[in-house]
Amino acid sequence: MSKERRMGVVGIVVEQRDQVPKINSILSSHGDVIVGRLGVPYRERDIAVIALIVDGTTDEIGALTGKLGQLSGVQVKSTLVTR
């Protein structure tokens, strides 16, 4: 894969709140590509939504989203652009 840096947004929907410690651990271990984070508990639907602003190579961002996507009850979508 390319070493070209990209920036973008990663959306995370957490349906199983017991996954939050694992999510936080993954985000912490990939903190070098995370520029900003917004977390919103959506109580009416009993979910949490996390939006990340990321900046890194496709390999780095793919590693982050791949690990998150493997968690049960966690949905991940990303949109990246070339900067």
PDB file of N, CA and C in Angstrom:
ATOM      1  N   MET A   1       0.825  -1.185   0.000  1.00  0.00           N
ATOM      2  CA  MET A   1       0.000   0.000   0.000  1.00  0.00           C
ATOM      3  C   MET A   1       0.869   1.249   0.000  1.00  0.00           C
ATOM      4  N   SER A   2       0.271   2.335  -0.362  1.00  0.00           N
ATOM      5  CA  SER A   2       0.968   3.606  -0.481  1.00  0.00           C
ATOM      6  C   SER A   2       1.309   4.191   0.882  1.00  0.00           C
ATOM      7  N   LYS A   3       2.431   4.898   0.912  1.00  0.00           N
ATOM      8  CA  LYS A   3       2.826   5.603   2.139  1.00  0.00           C
ATOM      9  C   LYS A   3       2.348   7.054   2.104  1.00  0.00           C
ATOM     10  N   GLU A   4       1.537   7.396   1.096  1.00  0.00           N
ATOM     11  CA  GLU A   4       0.973   8.736   0.997  1.00  0.00           C
ATOM     12  C   GLU A   4       0.060   8.983   2.197  1.00  0.00           C
ATOM     13  N   ARG A   5       0.199  10.160   2.778  1.00  0.00           N
ATOM     14  CA  ARG A   5      -0.633  10.488   3.938  1.00  0.00           C
ATOM     15  C   ARG A   5      -2.005  10.945   3.479  1.00  0.00           C
ATOM     16  N   ARG A   6      -2.991  10.567   4.255  1.00  0.00           N
ATOM     17  CA  ARG A   6      -4.365  10.954   3.988  1.00  0.00           C
ATOM     18  C   ARG A   6      -4.978  11.487   5.267  1.00  0.00           C
ATOM     19  N   MET A   7      -5.991  12.279   5.103  1.00  0.00           N
ATOM     20  CA  MET A   7      -6.747  12.718   6.266  1.00  0.00           C
ATOM     21  C   MET A   7      -8.212  12.414   6.007  1.00  0.00           C
ATOM     22  N   GLY A   8      -8.979  12.366   7.050  1.00  0.00           N
ATOM     23  CA  GLY A   8     -10.384  12.061   6.880  1.00  0.00           C
ATOM     24  C   GLY A   8     -11.116  11.921   8.199  1.00  0.00           C
ATOM     25  N   VAL A   9     -12.272  11.288   8.098  1.00  0.00           N
ATOM     26  CA  VAL A   9     -13.157  11.114   9.244  1.00  0.00           C
ATOM     27  C   VAL A   9     -13.473   9.628   9.400  1.00  0.00           C
ATOM     28  N   VAL A  10     -13.450   9.169  10.636  1.00  0.00           N
ATOM     29  CA  VAL A  10     -13.852   7.801  10.958  1.00  0.00           C
ATOM     30  C   VAL A  10     -15.062   7.907  11.882  1.00  0.00           C
ATOM     31  N   GLY A  11     -16.164   7.280  11.480  1.00  0.00           N
ATOM     32  CA  GLY A  11     -17.365   7.237  12.305  1.00  0.00           C
ATOM     33  C   GLY A  11     -17.497   5.882  12.963  1.00  0.00           C
ATOM     34  N   ILE A  12     -17.744   5.885  14.256  1.00  0.00           N
ATOM     35  CA  ILE A  12     -17.863   4.647  15.026  1.00  0.00           C
ATOM     36  C   ILE A  12     -19.196   4.660  15.752  1.00  0.00           C
ATOM     37  N   VAL A  13     -19.990   3.605  15.555  1.00  0.00           N
ATOM     38  CA  VAL A  13     -21.250   3.449  16.279  1.00  0.00           C
ATOM     39  C   VAL A  13     -21.087   2.268  17.224  1.00  0.00           C
ATOM     40  N   VAL A  14     -21.281   2.542  18.511  1.00  0.00           N
ATOM     41  CA  VAL A  14     -21.088   1.522  19.546  1.00  0.00           C
ATOM     42  C   VAL A  14     -22.457   1.082  20.043  1.00  0.00           C
ATOM     43  N   GLU A  15     -22.805  -0.167  19.731  1.00  0.00           N
ATOM     44  CA  GLU A  15     -24.091  -0.727  20.148  1.00  0.00           C
ATOM     45  C   GLU A  15     -23.968  -1.547  21.421  1.00  0.00           C
ATOM     46  N   GLN A  16     -22.761  -2.001  21.719  1.00  0.00           N
ATOM     47  CA  GLN A  16     -22.526  -2.778  22.944  1.00  0.00           C
ATOM     48  C   GLN A  16     -21.565  -1.996  23.831  1.00  0.00           C
ATOM     49  N   ARG A  17     -22.118  -1.376  24.850  1.00  0.00           N
ATOM     50  CA  ARG A  17     -21.334  -0.469  25.692  1.00  0.00           C
ATOM     51  C   ARG A  17     -20.195  -1.180  26.430  1.00  0.00           C
ATOM     52  N   ASP A  18     -20.301  -2.492  26.594  1.00  0.00           N
ATOM     53  CA  ASP A  18     -19.218  -3.207  27.261  1.00  0.00           C
ATOM     54  C   ASP A  18     -17.946  -3.249  26.412  1.00  0.00           C
ATOM     55  N   GLN A  19     -18.021  -2.817  25.156  1.00  0.00           N
ATOM     56  CA  GLN A  19     -16.852  -2.765  24.282  1.00  0.00           C
ATOM     57  C   GLN A  19     -16.048  -1.470  24.464  1.00  0.00           C
ATOM     58  N   VAL A  20     -16.579  -0.521  25.208  1.00  0.00           N
ATOM     59  CA  VAL A  20     -15.933   0.788  25.348  1.00  0.00           C
ATOM     60  C   VAL A  20     -14.490   0.690  25.855  1.00  0.00           C
ATOM     61  N   PRO A  21     -14.176  -0.122  26.873  1.00  0.00           N
ATOM     62  CA  PRO A  21     -12.767  -0.214  27.293  1.00  0.00           C
ATOM     63  C   PRO A  21     -11.844  -0.705  26.171  1.00  0.00           C
ATOM     64  N   LYS A  22     -12.300  -1.662  25.373  1.00  0.00           N
ATOM     65  CA  LYS A  22     -11.493  -2.151  24.254  1.00  0.00           C
ATOM     66  C   LYS A  22     -11.329  -1.067  23.194  1.00  0.00           C
ATOM     67  N   ILE A  23     -12.403  -0.338  22.918  1.00  0.00           N
ATOM     68  CA  ILE A  23     -12.339   0.756  21.945  1.00  0.00           C
ATOM     69  C   ILE A  23     -11.333   1.796  22.407  1.00  0.00           C
ATOM     70  N   ASN A  24     -11.421   2.206  23.659  1.00  0.00           N
ATOM     71  CA  ASN A  24     -10.497   3.213  24.182  1.00  0.00           C
ATOM     72  C   ASN A  24      -9.049   2.738  24.125  1.00  0.00           C
ATOM     73  N   SER A  25      -8.819   1.463  24.373  1.00  0.00           N
ATOM     74  CA  SER A  25      -7.467   0.913  24.291  1.00  0.00           C
ATOM     75  C   SER A  25      -6.941   0.978  22.856  1.00  0.00           C
ATOM     76  N   ILE A  26      -7.779   0.612  21.893  1.00  0.00           N
ATOM     77  CA  ILE A  26      -7.382   0.661  20.487  1.00  0.00           C
ATOM     78  C   ILE A  26      -7.108   2.103  20.063  1.00  0.00           C
ATOM     79  N   LEU A  27      -7.995   3.018  20.444  1.00  0.00           N
ATOM     80  CA  LEU A  27      -7.797   4.425  20.087  1.00  0.00           C
ATOM     81  C   LEU A  27      -6.508   4.964  20.701  1.00  0.00           C
ATOM     82  N   SER A  28      -6.228   4.584  21.927  1.00  0.00           N
ATOM     83  CA  SER A  28      -5.010   5.034  22.584  1.00  0.00           C
ATOM     84  C   SER A  28      -3.763   4.513  21.867  1.00  0.00           C
ATOM     85  N   SER A  29      -3.799   3.253  21.458  1.00  0.00           N
ATOM     86  CA  SER A  29      -2.623   2.674  20.799  1.00  0.00           C
ATOM     87  C   SER A  29      -2.411   3.229  19.390  1.00  0.00           C
ATOM     88  N   HIS A  30      -3.428   3.873  18.819  1.00  0.00           N
ATOM     89  CA  HIS A  30      -3.314   4.489  17.492  1.00  0.00           C
ATOM     90  C   HIS A  30      -3.436   6.010  17.582  1.00  0.00           C
ATOM     91  N   GLY A  31      -3.119   6.554  18.738  1.00  0.00           N
ATOM     92  CA  GLY A  31      -3.270   7.979  18.976  1.00  0.00           C
ATOM     93  C   GLY A  31      -2.437   8.861  18.067  1.00  0.00           C
ATOM     94  N   ASP A  32      -1.377   8.307  17.483  1.00  0.00           N
ATOM     95  CA  ASP A  32      -0.518   9.112  16.613  1.00  0.00           C
ATOM     96  C   ASP A  32      -1.201   9.515  15.308  1.00  0.00           C
ATOM     97  N   VAL A  33      -2.287   8.848  14.929  1.00  0.00           N
ATOM     98  CA  VAL A  33      -3.007   9.239  13.704  1.00  0.00           C
ATOM     99  C   VAL A  33      -4.303   9.983  14.007  1.00  0.00           C
ATOM    100  N   ILE A  34      -4.672  10.079  15.269  1.00  0.00           N
ATOM    101  CA  ILE A  34      -5.918  10.747  15.648  1.00  0.00           C
ATOM    102  C   ILE A  34      -5.640  12.211  15.964  1.00  0.00           C
ATOM    103  N   VAL A  35      -6.264  13.087  15.186  1.00  0.00           N
ATOM    104  CA  VAL A  35      -6.110  14.531  15.370  1.00  0.00           C
ATOM    105  C   VAL A  35      -7.141  15.046  16.375  1.00  0.00           C
ATOM    106  N   GLY A  36      -8.362  14.515  16.304  1.00  0.00           N
ATOM    107  CA  GLY A  36      -9.422  14.943  17.206  1.00  0.00           C
ATOM    108  C   GLY A  36     -10.463  13.860  17.372  1.00  0.00           C
ATOM    109  N   ARG A  37     -11.209  13.972  18.461  1.00  0.00           N
ATOM    110  CA  ARG A  37     -12.215  12.953  18.786  1.00  0.00           C
ATOM    111  C   ARG A  37     -13.424  13.621  19.410  1.00  0.00           C
ATOM    112  N   LEU A  38     -14.602  13.187  18.966  1.00  0.00           N
ATOM    113  CA  LEU A  38     -15.855  13.659  19.549  1.00  0.00           C
ATOM    114  C   LEU A  38     -16.693  12.437  19.873  1.00  0.00           C
ATOM    115  N   GLY A  39     -17.092  12.301  21.115  1.00  0.00           N
ATOM    116  CA  GLY A  39     -17.929  11.186  21.529  1.00  0.00           C
ATOM    117  C   GLY A  39     -19.269  11.684  22.027  1.00  0.00           C
ATOM    118  N   VAL A  40     -20.335  11.061  21.544  1.00  0.00           N
ATOM    119  CA  VAL A  40     -21.684  11.482  21.923  1.00  0.00           C
ATOM    120  C   VAL A  40     -22.494  10.259  22.362  1.00  0.00           C
ATOM    121  N   PRO A  41     -22.935  10.234  23.621  1.00  0.00           N
ATOM    122  CA  PRO A  41     -23.850   9.163  24.025  1.00  0.00           C
ATOM    123  C   PRO A  41     -25.249   9.493  23.490  1.00  0.00           C
ATOM    124  N   TYR A  42     -25.808   8.597  22.709  1.00  0.00           N
ATOM    125  CA  TYR A  42     -27.132   8.813  22.114  1.00  0.00           C
ATOM    126  C   TYR A  42     -28.107   7.956  22.913  1.00  0.00           C
ATOM    127  N   ARG A  43     -28.530   8.477  24.044  1.00  0.00           N
ATOM    128  CA  ARG A  43     -29.306   7.703  25.016  1.00  0.00           C
ATOM    129  C   ARG A  43     -30.648   7.226  24.478  1.00  0.00           C
ATOM    130  N   GLU A  44     -31.286   8.018  23.620  1.00  0.00           N
ATOM    131  CA  GLU A  44     -32.586   7.629  23.074  1.00  0.00           C
ATOM    132  C   GLU A  44     -32.514   6.322  22.273  1.00  0.00           C
ATOM    133  N   ARG A  45     -31.359   6.037  21.698  1.00  0.00           N
ATOM    134  CA  ARG A  45     -31.179   4.802  20.925  1.00  0.00           C
ATOM    135  C   ARG A  45     -30.292   3.792  21.648  1.00  0.00           C
ATOM    136  N   ASP A  46     -29.819   4.135  22.840  1.00  0.00           N
ATOM    137  CA  ASP A  46     -28.943   3.280  23.647  1.00  0.00           C
ATOM    138  C   ASP A  46     -27.675   2.892  22.886  1.00  0.00           C
ATOM    139  N   ILE A  47     -27.067   3.890  22.223  1.00  0.00           N
ATOM    140  CA  ILE A  47     -25.802   3.699  21.520  1.00  0.00           C
ATOM    141  C   ILE A  47     -24.889   4.879  21.851  1.00  0.00           C
ATOM    142  N   ALA A  48     -23.656   4.771  21.427  1.00  0.00           N
ATOM    143  CA  ALA A  48     -22.716   5.895  21.497  1.00  0.00           C
ATOM    144  C   ALA A  48     -22.143   6.080  20.100  1.00  0.00           C
ATOM    145  N   VAL A  49     -21.891   7.323  19.742  1.00  0.00           N
ATOM    146  CA  VAL A  49     -21.318   7.643  18.446  1.00  0.00           C
ATOM    147  C   VAL A  49     -20.006   8.383  18.678  1.00  0.00           C
ATOM    148  N   ILE A  50     -18.954   7.927  18.012  1.00  0.00           N
ATOM    149  CA  ILE A  50     -17.641   8.561  18.117  1.00  0.00           C
ATOM    150  C   ILE A  50     -17.222   8.994  16.720  1.00  0.00           C
ATOM    151  N   ALA A  51     -16.795  10.240  16.588  1.00  0.00           N
ATOM    152  CA  ALA A  51     -16.257  10.746  15.329  1.00  0.00           C
ATOM    153  C   ALA A  51     -14.786  11.070  15.543  1.00  0.00           C
ATOM    154  N   LEU A  52     -13.942  10.550  14.667  1.00  0.00           N
ATOM    155  CA  LEU A  52     -12.511  10.811  14.740  1.00  0.00           C
ATOM    156  C   LEU A  52     -12.064  11.592  13.516  1.00  0.00           C
ATOM    157  N   ILE A  53     -11.199  12.564  13.710  1.00  0.00           N
ATOM    158  CA  ILE A  53     -10.479  13.195  12.618  1.00  0.00           C
ATOM    159  C   ILE A  53      -9.117  12.510  12.607  1.00  0.00           C
ATOM    160  N   VAL A  54      -8.731  11.941  11.462  1.00  0.00           N
ATOM    161  CA  VAL A  54      -7.488  11.178  11.375  1.00  0.00           C
ATOM    162  C   VAL A  54      -6.572  11.750  10.304  1.00  0.00           C
ATOM    163  N   ASP A  55      -5.272  11.515  10.474  1.00  0.00           N
ATOM    164  CA  ASP A  55      -4.258  11.928   9.516  1.00  0.00           C
ATOM    165  C   ASP A  55      -3.127  10.907   9.593  1.00  0.00           C
ATOM    166  N   GLY A  56      -2.958  10.131   8.521  1.00  0.00           N
ATOM    167  CA  GLY A  56      -1.921   9.106   8.515  1.00  0.00           C
ATOM    168  C   GLY A  56      -1.901   8.396   7.188  1.00  0.00           C
ATOM    169  N   THR A  57      -1.082   7.371   7.079  1.00  0.00           N
ATOM    170  CA  THR A  57      -1.050   6.570   5.858  1.00  0.00           C
ATOM    171  C   THR A  57      -2.285   5.669   5.823  1.00  0.00           C
ATOM    172  N   THR A  58      -2.578   5.154   4.653  1.00  0.00           N
ATOM    173  CA  THR A  58      -3.715   4.233   4.559  1.00  0.00           C
ATOM    174  C   THR A  58      -3.477   2.980   5.391  1.00  0.00           C
ATOM    175  N   ASP A  59      -2.222   2.565   5.510  1.00  0.00           N
ATOM    176  CA  ASP A  59      -1.902   1.408   6.357  1.00  0.00           C
ATOM    177  C   ASP A  59      -2.221   1.700   7.820  1.00  0.00           C
ATOM    178  N   GLU A  60      -1.813   2.867   8.302  1.00  0.00           N
ATOM    179  CA  GLU A  60      -2.041   3.232   9.702  1.00  0.00           C
ATOM    180  C   GLU A  60      -3.531   3.366  10.014  1.00  0.00           C
ATOM    181  N   ILE A  61      -4.240   4.049   9.135  1.00  0.00           N
ATOM    182  CA  ILE A  61      -5.676   4.250   9.357  1.00  0.00           C
ATOM    183  C   ILE A  61      -6.423   2.935   9.197  1.00  0.00           C
ATOM    184  N   GLY A  62      -5.998   2.119   8.234  1.00  0.00           N
ATOM    185  CA  GLY A  62      -6.616   0.809   8.040  1.00  0.00           C
ATOM    186  C   GLY A  62      -6.416  -0.110   9.232  1.00  0.00           C
ATOM    187  N   ALA A  63      -5.253  -0.033   9.870  1.00  0.00           N
ATOM    188  CA  ALA A  63      -5.004  -0.841  11.074  1.00  0.00           C
ATOM    189  C   ALA A  63      -5.959  -0.438  12.196  1.00  0.00           C
ATOM    190  N   LEU A  64      -6.142   0.867  12.352  1.00  0.00           N
ATOM    191  CA  LEU A  64      -7.060   1.377  13.375  1.00  0.00           C
ATOM    192  C   LEU A  64      -8.493   0.926  13.097  1.00  0.00           C
ATOM    193  N   THR A  65      -8.988   1.181  11.896  1.00  0.00           N
ATOM    194  CA  THR A  65     -10.378   0.846  11.587  1.00  0.00           C
ATOM    195  C   THR A  65     -10.599  -0.671  11.551  1.00  0.00           C
ATOM    196  N   GLY A  66      -9.582  -1.403  11.124  1.00  0.00           N
ATOM    197  CA  GLY A  66      -9.702  -2.860  11.093  1.00  0.00           C
ATOM    198  C   GLY A  66      -9.863  -3.456  12.480  1.00  0.00           C
ATOM    199  N   LYS A  67      -9.066  -2.987  13.430  1.00  0.00           N
ATOM    200  CA  LYS A  67      -9.174  -3.492  14.806  1.00  0.00           C
ATOM    201  C   LYS A  67     -10.517  -3.131  15.421  1.00  0.00           C
ATOM    202  N   LEU A  68     -10.966  -1.895  15.172  1.00  0.00           N
ATOM    203  CA  LEU A  68     -12.273  -1.490  15.701  1.00  0.00           C
ATOM    204  C   LEU A  68     -13.393  -2.311  15.082  1.00  0.00           C
ATOM    205  N   GLY A  69     -13.310  -2.543  13.788  1.00  0.00           N
ATOM    206  CA  GLY A  69     -14.350  -3.276  13.071  1.00  0.00           C
ATOM    207  C   GLY A  69     -14.471  -4.734  13.475  1.00  0.00           C
ATOM    208  N   GLN A  70     -13.444  -5.279  14.099  1.00  0.00           N
ATOM    209  CA  GLN A  70     -13.488  -6.673  14.547  1.00  0.00           C
ATOM    210  C   GLN A  70     -14.264  -6.846  15.849  1.00  0.00           C
ATOM    211  N   LEU A  71     -14.534  -5.746  16.531  1.00  0.00           N
ATOM    212  CA  LEU A  71     -15.243  -5.834  17.805  1.00  0.00           C
ATOM    213  C   LEU A  71     -16.737  -6.052  17.573  1.00  0.00           C
ATOM    214  N   SER A  72     -17.311  -6.940  18.332  1.00  0.00           N
ATOM    215  CA  SER A  72     -18.738  -7.209  18.262  1.00  0.00           C
ATOM    216  C   SER A  72     -19.528  -5.994  18.727  1.00  0.00           C
ATOM    217  N   GLY A  73     -20.570  -5.634  17.989  1.00  0.00           N
ATOM    218  CA  GLY A  73     -21.412  -4.518  18.384  1.00  0.00           C
ATOM    219  C   GLY A  73     -20.828  -3.159  18.083  1.00  0.00           C
ATOM    220  N   VAL A  74     -19.797  -3.122  17.218  1.00  0.00           N
ATOM    221  CA  VAL A  74     -19.144  -1.869  16.843  1.00  0.00           C
ATOM    222  C   VAL A  74     -19.152  -1.777  15.319  1.00  0.00           C
ATOM    223  N   GLN A  75     -19.690  -0.686  14.790  1.00  0.00           N
ATOM    224  CA  GLN A  75     -19.697  -0.451  13.347  1.00  0.00           C
ATOM    225  C   GLN A  75     -18.764   0.718  13.053  1.00  0.00           C
ATOM    226  N   VAL A  76     -17.993   0.595  11.970  1.00  0.00           N
ATOM    227  CA  VAL A  76     -16.977   1.601  11.637  1.00  0.00           C
ATOM    228  C   VAL A  76     -17.077   1.938  10.152  1.00  0.00           C
ATOM    229  N   LYS A  77     -17.065   3.211   9.842  1.00  0.00           N
ATOM    230  CA  LYS A  77     -17.012   3.692   8.460  1.00  0.00           C
ATOM    231  C   LYS A  77     -15.993   4.810   8.393  1.00  0.00           C
ATOM    232  N   SER A  78     -15.254   4.876   7.295  1.00  0.00           N
ATOM    233  CA  SER A  78     -14.276   5.953   7.170  1.00  0.00           C
ATOM    234  C   SER A  78     -14.342   6.576   5.779  1.00  0.00           C
ATOM    235  N   THR A  79     -13.989   7.834   5.727  1.00  0.00           N
ATOM    236  CA  THR A  79     -13.865   8.573   4.485  1.00  0.00           C
ATOM    237  C   THR A  79     -12.537   9.294   4.526  1.00  0.00           C
ATOM    238  N   LEU A  80     -11.680   9.030   3.538  1.00  0.00           N
ATOM    239  CA  LEU A  80     -10.355   9.618   3.497  1.00  0.00           C
ATOM    240  C   LEU A  80     -10.174  10.418   2.222  1.00  0.00           C
ATOM    241  N   VAL A  81      -9.381  11.472   2.306  1.00  0.00           N
ATOM    242  CA  VAL A  81      -9.040  12.282   1.137  1.00  0.00           C
ATOM    243  C   VAL A  81      -7.534  12.453   1.091  1.00  0.00           C
ATOM    244  N   THR A  82      -6.997  12.726  -0.081  1.00  0.00           N
ATOM    245  CA  THR A  82      -5.584  13.037  -0.217  1.00  0.00           C
ATOM    246  C   THR A  82      -5.389  14.479   0.176  1.00  0.00           C
ATOM    247  N   ARG A  83      -4.365  14.760   0.928  1.00  0.00           N
ATOM    248  CA  ARG A  83      -4.149  16.162   1.305  1.00  0.00           C
ATOM    249  C   ARG A  83      -2.960  16.724   0.623  1.00  0.00           C
TER     250      ARG A  83
END
